C-alpha cells in the first residue's frame, strides 16, 4: 500500500511554483483539486498543468524532480 498523497504533493508543488513565479499555474492546480468532480478529472487537470512546466528552465531543479515524480504517478494511476 502506497502512502504517497498526490493531492498533498500537488499542493506543495503549487506552493513552490507560486514562489518561483508561476502563480497562474499554481492557482489552476489548486482550483483543480478544490473543484474537480472526480479523482480522474483532478488527475487529468493536474497532469495537464504540470506537463506544461516540465520543460521550463525557470523551474527550480528540486521542484522539477517533484513535478516529474507526480506526473509519473498520475500517469500510472490513470492507466489503471
N, C-alpha and C. Protein backbone atom coordinates (compact mmCIF):
# COMPACT_ATOMS: atom_id res chain seq x y z
N UNK A 1 0.85 -1.18 0.00
CA UNK A 1 0.00 0.00 0.00
C UNK A 1 0.89 1.24 0.00
N UNK A 2 0.59 2.16 -0.87
CA UNK A 2 1.38 3.37 -1.01
C UNK A 2 0.89 4.45 -0.05
N UNK A 3 1.83 5.19 0.49
CA UNK A 3 1.47 6.31 1.37
C UNK A 3 1.65 7.64 0.66
N UNK A 4 1.92 7.60 -0.62
CA UNK A 4 2.10 8.81 -1.40
C UNK A 4 0.76 9.52 -1.56
N UNK A 5 0.70 10.77 -1.14
CA UNK A 5 -0.53 11.56 -1.22
C UNK A 5 -0.37 12.54 -2.39
N UNK A 6 -0.93 12.19 -3.52
CA UNK A 6 -0.76 13.01 -4.73
C UNK A 6 -1.35 14.41 -4.57
N UNK A 7 -2.47 14.52 -3.87
CA UNK A 7 -3.08 15.83 -3.69
C UNK A 7 -2.21 16.71 -2.80
N UNK A 8 -1.68 16.16 -1.72
CA UNK A 8 -0.80 16.93 -0.84
C UNK A 8 0.46 17.34 -1.59
N UNK A 9 0.99 16.43 -2.39
CA UNK A 9 2.18 16.75 -3.18
C UNK A 9 1.87 17.83 -4.21
N UNK A 10 0.72 17.76 -4.84
CA UNK A 10 0.33 18.78 -5.82
C UNK A 10 0.21 20.15 -5.13
N UNK A 11 -0.35 20.16 -3.93
CA UNK A 11 -0.45 21.43 -3.19
C UNK A 11 0.93 21.97 -2.83
N UNK A 12 1.84 21.10 -2.46
CA UNK A 12 3.21 21.53 -2.14
C UNK A 12 3.91 22.07 -3.39
N UNK A 13 3.73 21.40 -4.50
CA UNK A 13 4.30 21.88 -5.76
C UNK A 13 3.69 23.22 -6.12
N UNK A 14 2.39 23.37 -5.93
CA UNK A 14 1.73 24.66 -6.21
C UNK A 14 2.35 25.77 -5.37
N UNK A 15 2.63 25.50 -4.10
CA UNK A 15 3.28 26.50 -3.25
C UNK A 15 4.64 26.88 -3.82
N UNK A 16 5.40 25.87 -4.22
CA UNK A 16 6.74 26.11 -4.73
C UNK A 16 6.72 26.92 -6.04
N UNK A 17 5.85 26.51 -6.97
CA UNK A 17 5.85 27.22 -8.25
C UNK A 17 5.27 28.62 -8.10
N UNK A 18 4.41 28.80 -7.13
CA UNK A 18 3.90 30.14 -6.83
C UNK A 18 5.06 31.05 -6.47
N UNK A 19 5.94 30.57 -5.61
CA UNK A 19 7.11 31.35 -5.19
C UNK A 19 8.13 31.52 -6.31
N UNK A 20 8.09 30.61 -7.28
CA UNK A 20 9.04 30.66 -8.39
C UNK A 20 8.52 31.49 -9.57
N UNK A 21 7.34 32.09 -9.39
CA UNK A 21 6.82 32.99 -10.42
C UNK A 21 5.80 32.40 -11.36
N UNK A 22 5.25 31.26 -11.01
CA UNK A 22 4.26 30.61 -11.85
C UNK A 22 2.91 30.57 -11.14
N UNK A 23 2.49 31.73 -10.68
CA UNK A 23 1.27 31.84 -9.88
C UNK A 23 0.03 31.36 -10.62
N UNK A 24 -0.04 31.62 -11.91
CA UNK A 24 -1.20 31.21 -12.70
C UNK A 24 -1.35 29.68 -12.68
N UNK A 25 -0.27 28.97 -12.90
CA UNK A 25 -0.32 27.51 -12.87
C UNK A 25 -0.65 27.01 -11.47
N UNK A 26 -0.08 27.65 -10.47
CA UNK A 26 -0.34 27.24 -9.08
C UNK A 26 -1.82 27.38 -8.75
N UNK A 27 -2.40 28.48 -9.15
CA UNK A 27 -3.82 28.70 -8.87
C UNK A 27 -4.70 27.70 -9.61
N UNK A 28 -4.36 27.40 -10.84
CA UNK A 28 -5.12 26.42 -11.61
C UNK A 28 -5.04 25.04 -10.98
N UNK A 29 -3.88 24.69 -10.45
CA UNK A 29 -3.72 23.40 -9.77
C UNK A 29 -4.58 23.34 -8.52
N UNK A 30 -4.56 24.40 -7.74
CA UNK A 30 -5.38 24.44 -6.53
C UNK A 30 -6.87 24.35 -6.87
N UNK A 31 -7.27 25.05 -7.90
CA UNK A 31 -8.68 25.01 -8.32
C UNK A 31 -9.07 23.60 -8.79
N UNK A 32 -8.17 22.94 -9.49
CA UNK A 32 -8.46 21.57 -9.94
C UNK A 32 -8.71 20.66 -8.75
N UNK A 33 -7.88 20.77 -7.72
CA UNK A 33 -8.04 19.93 -6.53
C UNK A 33 -9.32 20.30 -5.78
N UNK A 34 -9.55 21.57 -5.62
CA UNK A 34 -10.69 22.03 -4.81
C UNK A 34 -12.04 21.87 -5.49
N UNK A 35 -12.06 21.92 -6.83
CA UNK A 35 -13.34 21.96 -7.53
C UNK A 35 -13.56 20.82 -8.52
N UNK A 36 -12.62 19.90 -8.59
CA UNK A 36 -12.79 18.76 -9.50
C UNK A 36 -13.93 17.87 -9.06
N UNK A 37 -14.60 17.27 -10.01
CA UNK A 37 -15.77 16.43 -9.72
C UNK A 37 -15.40 14.99 -9.41
N UNK A 38 -14.23 14.56 -9.85
CA UNK A 38 -13.81 13.19 -9.59
C UNK A 38 -12.29 13.14 -9.54
N UNK A 39 -11.77 12.06 -8.98
CA UNK A 39 -10.32 11.89 -8.93
C UNK A 39 -9.70 11.86 -10.32
N UNK A 40 -10.38 11.22 -11.26
CA UNK A 40 -9.86 11.17 -12.62
C UNK A 40 -9.78 12.56 -13.23
N UNK A 41 -10.82 13.35 -13.05
CA UNK A 41 -10.82 14.71 -13.57
C UNK A 41 -9.69 15.53 -12.95
N UNK A 42 -9.54 15.41 -11.65
CA UNK A 42 -8.49 16.17 -10.96
C UNK A 42 -7.12 15.76 -11.48
N UNK A 43 -6.88 14.45 -11.58
CA UNK A 43 -5.59 13.99 -12.07
C UNK A 43 -5.32 14.44 -13.51
N UNK A 44 -6.33 14.41 -14.35
CA UNK A 44 -6.15 14.84 -15.74
C UNK A 44 -5.79 16.33 -15.79
N UNK A 45 -6.47 17.13 -14.99
CA UNK A 45 -6.15 18.56 -14.96
C UNK A 45 -4.76 18.81 -14.40
N UNK A 46 -4.42 18.14 -13.31
CA UNK A 46 -3.09 18.32 -12.73
C UNK A 46 -2.01 17.92 -13.74
N UNK A 47 -2.21 16.80 -14.40
CA UNK A 47 -1.23 16.36 -15.40
C UNK A 47 -1.08 17.40 -16.50
N UNK A 48 -2.18 17.97 -16.94
CA UNK A 48 -2.14 18.99 -17.99
C UNK A 48 -1.29 20.19 -17.55
N UNK A 49 -1.55 20.70 -16.36
CA UNK A 49 -0.81 21.88 -15.89
C UNK A 49 0.64 21.55 -15.58
N UNK A 50 0.89 20.39 -15.01
CA UNK A 50 2.26 20.02 -14.65
C UNK A 50 3.13 19.76 -15.87
N UNK A 51 2.58 19.10 -16.89
CA UNK A 51 3.39 18.81 -18.07
C UNK A 51 3.79 20.09 -18.80
N UNK A 52 3.01 21.14 -18.66
CA UNK A 52 3.37 22.42 -19.26
C UNK A 52 4.62 23.01 -18.59
N UNK A 53 4.90 22.59 -17.38
CA UNK A 53 6.04 23.11 -16.64
C UNK A 53 7.29 22.25 -16.77
N UNK A 54 7.16 21.03 -17.26
CA UNK A 54 8.28 20.10 -17.27
C UNK A 54 9.48 20.57 -18.09
N UNK A 55 9.27 21.33 -19.11
CA UNK A 55 10.38 21.80 -19.95
C UNK A 55 10.77 23.24 -19.68
N UNK A 56 10.25 23.81 -18.60
CA UNK A 56 10.51 25.21 -18.30
C UNK A 56 11.82 25.34 -17.54
N UNK A 57 12.76 26.10 -18.10
CA UNK A 57 14.06 26.25 -17.47
C UNK A 57 14.02 27.14 -16.23
N UNK A 58 12.89 27.81 -16.00
CA UNK A 58 12.78 28.68 -14.84
C UNK A 58 12.36 27.95 -13.57
N UNK A 59 12.10 26.67 -13.67
CA UNK A 59 11.67 25.88 -12.52
C UNK A 59 12.91 25.38 -11.77
N UNK A 60 12.89 25.51 -10.46
CA UNK A 60 13.97 25.00 -9.62
C UNK A 60 14.11 23.49 -9.85
N UNK A 61 15.33 22.98 -9.97
CA UNK A 61 15.52 21.54 -10.22
C UNK A 61 14.85 20.63 -9.19
N UNK A 62 14.85 21.01 -7.94
CA UNK A 62 14.19 20.19 -6.91
C UNK A 62 12.69 20.16 -7.14
N UNK A 63 12.12 21.28 -7.52
CA UNK A 63 10.69 21.34 -7.82
C UNK A 63 10.39 20.52 -9.07
N UNK A 64 11.26 20.61 -10.05
CA UNK A 64 11.08 19.85 -11.29
C UNK A 64 11.11 18.34 -11.01
N UNK A 65 11.98 17.91 -10.13
CA UNK A 65 12.01 16.50 -9.75
C UNK A 65 10.67 16.07 -9.16
N UNK A 66 10.12 16.91 -8.30
CA UNK A 66 8.82 16.60 -7.68
C UNK A 66 7.72 16.58 -8.73
N UNK A 67 7.76 17.52 -9.66
CA UNK A 67 6.78 17.56 -10.76
C UNK A 67 6.86 16.26 -11.56
N UNK A 68 8.07 15.87 -11.94
CA UNK A 68 8.24 14.66 -12.75
C UNK A 68 7.75 13.41 -12.01
N UNK A 69 8.03 13.34 -10.73
CA UNK A 69 7.56 12.20 -9.93
C UNK A 69 6.04 12.17 -9.89
N UNK A 70 5.43 13.31 -9.62
CA UNK A 70 3.97 13.37 -9.54
C UNK A 70 3.33 13.03 -10.88
N UNK A 71 3.85 13.56 -11.97
CA UNK A 71 3.31 13.25 -13.29
C UNK A 71 3.41 11.75 -13.55
N UNK A 72 4.52 11.14 -13.19
CA UNK A 72 4.68 9.70 -13.36
C UNK A 72 3.65 8.91 -12.57
N UNK A 73 3.42 9.31 -11.34
CA UNK A 73 2.44 8.61 -10.51
C UNK A 73 1.01 8.83 -11.02
N UNK A 74 0.73 10.02 -11.52
CA UNK A 74 -0.59 10.30 -12.10
C UNK A 74 -0.79 9.44 -13.35
N UNK A 75 0.24 9.35 -14.19
CA UNK A 75 0.14 8.52 -15.41
C UNK A 75 -0.16 7.06 -15.07
N UNK A 76 0.51 6.54 -14.04
CA UNK A 76 0.25 5.16 -13.63
C UNK A 76 -1.19 5.01 -13.13
N UNK A 77 -1.63 5.93 -12.32
CA UNK A 77 -3.00 5.87 -11.77
C UNK A 77 -4.04 5.95 -12.87
N UNK A 78 -3.82 6.81 -13.86
CA UNK A 78 -4.80 6.97 -14.93
C UNK A 78 -4.79 5.79 -15.90
N UNK A 79 -3.70 5.04 -15.94
CA UNK A 79 -3.61 3.89 -16.85
C UNK A 79 -4.33 2.67 -16.30
N UNK A 80 -4.69 2.70 -15.04
CA UNK A 80 -5.36 1.53 -14.42
C UNK A 80 -6.78 1.39 -14.88
